[in-house]
Amino acid sequence: MSKYVVRDLQALAGSALAVLDSGRGTDEFPLLQGRVLAVQASPANETSEDMAWGIAALPAGYSAPEHTHRAEEFAMILRGSGSITIEDEVIPVKEGSVVVTPPHLRHLTTAGPDGPMVVYWVYGPAGSETRWLEQS
């Protein structure tokens, strides 16, 4: 087994959806504010130096709280569809979409009404994810 952080994104997506369906968070896939939010790498847990990444699973119709951070963020849609709103621009997304959010801009992610959406997110510099690690 490699000493490096290696994960299967589709397996993570499936696990996150299973936890979302069950309504019971786990240590690896905590339920936070109505969604699964699983930090996979962060300087805070000594799995990276400057970047953070993780998986979020949002139930149908759910919007993550609007927020900003100093990091540039890449969001890749692994399952489902919905939108990512940056400032006041609503960007439709579906499986396979990638959206880059510049630093310091207001943004939020919303799952479409037809089912859950799973997002693989990456950002740097790391730091904002520590709030989720502290809650889980």
Protein backbone atom coordinates (compact mmCIF):
# COMPACT_ATOMS: atom_id res chain seq x y z
CA MET A 1 0.00 0.00 0.00
CA SER A 2 1.27 3.47 -0.88
CA LYS A 3 2.24 5.95 1.79
CA TYR A 4 0.58 8.62 -0.35
CA VAL A 5 -3.07 9.68 -0.20
CA VAL A 6 -4.75 7.56 -2.88
CA ARG A 7 -8.53 7.28 -3.09
CA ASP A 8 -11.08 5.97 -5.59
CA LEU A 9 -13.44 8.90 -6.28
CA GLN A 10 -16.35 6.77 -7.46
CA ALA A 11 -16.08 4.52 -4.39
CA LEU A 12 -16.00 7.63 -2.16
CA ALA A 13 -19.06 9.00 -3.97
CA GLY A 14 -20.93 5.74 -3.41
CA SER A 15 -20.01 5.67 0.28
CA ALA A 16 -21.03 9.30 0.75
CA LEU A 17 -24.42 8.61 -0.88
CA ALA A 18 -24.94 5.53 1.30
CA VAL A 19 -24.30 7.60 4.43
CA LEU A 20 -26.61 10.35 3.15
CA ASP A 21 -29.34 7.76 2.50
CA SER A 22 -28.92 6.22 5.96
CA GLY A 23 -29.07 9.56 7.74
CA ARG A 24 -26.30 8.42 10.06
CA GLY A 25 -22.87 9.97 9.71
CA THR A 26 -19.67 8.06 10.29
CA ASP A 27 -16.17 9.12 11.32
CA GLU A 28 -15.07 9.00 7.68
CA PHE A 29 -18.28 10.54 6.28
CA PRO A 30 -19.76 12.93 8.85
CA LEU A 31 -23.16 14.53 8.39
CA LEU A 32 -22.73 18.29 8.83
CA GLN A 33 -25.54 20.79 8.42
CA GLY A 34 -27.72 18.35 6.44
CA ARG A 35 -25.06 17.07 4.05
CA VAL A 36 -22.15 14.64 4.04
CA LEU A 37 -18.86 16.52 4.17
CA ALA A 38 -15.76 14.34 4.22
CA VAL A 39 -12.34 16.03 4.21
CA GLN A 40 -9.90 13.57 2.65
CA ALA A 41 -6.67 15.57 2.79
CA SER A 42 -5.65 18.62 4.79
CA PRO A 43 -2.61 19.99 6.58
CA ALA A 44 -4.78 19.83 9.72
CA ASN A 45 -4.75 16.01 9.62
CA GLU A 46 -1.23 15.82 8.18
CA THR A 47 -2.28 14.39 4.81
CA SER A 48 -1.14 17.39 2.74
CA GLU A 49 0.95 20.53 3.10
CA ASP A 50 -0.89 23.34 1.29
CA MET A 51 -4.04 21.89 -0.32
CA ALA A 52 -7.31 20.41 0.88
CA TRP A 53 -9.76 18.10 -0.86
CA GLY A 54 -12.84 16.16 -0.02
CA ILE A 55 -16.25 14.87 -0.97
CA ALA A 56 -19.63 16.46 -0.32
CA ALA A 57 -22.96 14.71 -0.85
CA LEU A 58 -25.99 17.00 -0.90
CA PRO A 59 -29.58 15.76 -0.74
CA ALA A 60 -31.98 16.78 -3.51
CA GLY A 61 -32.79 20.48 -3.36
CA TYR A 62 -30.21 21.23 -0.67
CA SER A 63 -28.08 24.38 -0.80
CA ALA A 64 -24.83 24.55 1.13
CA PRO A 65 -24.51 27.75 3.13
CA GLU A 66 -23.13 30.64 1.10
CA HIS A 67 -19.53 31.32 2.06
CA THR A 68 -16.19 32.79 1.01
CA HIS A 69 -12.60 31.81 1.64
CA ARG A 70 -9.15 32.88 0.57
CA ALA A 71 -8.65 29.68 -1.42
CA GLU A 72 -9.25 29.12 -5.11
CA GLU A 73 -11.65 26.16 -5.37
CA PHE A 74 -12.22 23.52 -8.00
CA ALA A 75 -15.54 21.66 -7.78
CA MET A 76 -16.08 18.54 -9.89
CA ILE A 77 -19.51 16.95 -10.06
CA LEU A 78 -19.24 13.17 -9.65
CA ARG A 79 -22.94 12.34 -9.42
CA GLY A 80 -26.19 14.18 -10.01
CA SER A 81 -26.83 17.74 -11.10
CA GLY A 82 -27.61 21.15 -9.70
CA SER A 83 -25.90 24.52 -9.68
CA ILE A 84 -23.00 26.46 -8.28
CA THR A 85 -23.68 30.12 -7.65
CA ILE A 86 -20.67 32.45 -7.68
CA GLU A 87 -21.55 35.96 -6.55
CA ASP A 88 -24.96 36.26 -8.27
CA GLU A 89 -24.29 34.05 -11.31
CA VAL A 90 -26.01 30.66 -11.23
CA ILE A 91 -23.98 28.06 -13.12
CA PRO A 92 -25.82 24.84 -14.01
CA VAL A 93 -23.72 21.72 -13.36
CA LYS A 94 -24.09 18.03 -14.06
CA GLU A 95 -21.99 14.90 -13.74
CA GLY A 96 -18.58 15.66 -15.26
CA SER A 97 -18.79 19.45 -14.82
CA VAL A 98 -15.83 21.31 -13.30
CA VAL A 99 -16.20 24.83 -11.91
CA VAL A 100 -13.35 27.02 -10.71
CA THR A 101 -14.28 29.58 -8.06
CA PRO A 102 -11.77 32.40 -7.63
CA PRO A 103 -10.71 33.30 -4.09
CA HIS A 104 -12.77 35.61 -1.86
CA LEU A 105 -16.00 35.37 -3.92
CA ARG A 106 -19.35 34.45 -2.38
CA HIS A 107 -20.44 31.01 -3.55
CA LEU A 108 -22.78 28.15 -2.78
CA THR A 109 -23.58 24.74 -4.19
CA THR A 110 -27.13 23.48 -4.72
CA ALA A 111 -28.29 19.97 -5.60
CA GLY A 112 -31.02 19.72 -8.21
CA PRO A 113 -34.56 18.64 -7.27
CA ASP A 114 -34.33 15.19 -8.88
CA GLY A 115 -31.78 13.59 -6.58
CA PRO A 116 -28.61 14.01 -4.56
CA MET A 117 -25.43 15.51 -5.95
CA VAL A 118 -21.88 14.49 -5.08
CA VAL A 119 -19.08 17.02 -5.42
CA TYR A 120 -15.34 16.39 -5.30
CA TRP A 121 -13.77 19.68 -4.20
CA VAL A 122 -10.16 20.80 -4.08
CA TYR A 123 -8.76 24.08 -2.86
CA GLY A 124 -5.60 25.82 -1.95
CA PRO A 125 -4.30 27.22 0.13
CA ALA A 126 -5.87 24.99 2.74
CA GLY A 127 -7.40 26.30 5.92
CA SER A 128 -11.16 26.68 5.56
CA GLU A 129 -11.72 22.93 5.89
CA THR A 130 -10.54 22.95 9.51
CA ARG A 131 -14.02 24.14 10.57
CA TRP A 132 -15.48 20.89 9.26
CA LEU A 133 -12.77 18.74 10.81
CA GLU A 134 -13.50 20.36 14.17
CA GLN A 135 -17.24 19.64 13.84
CA SER A 136 -16.87 15.97 12.89
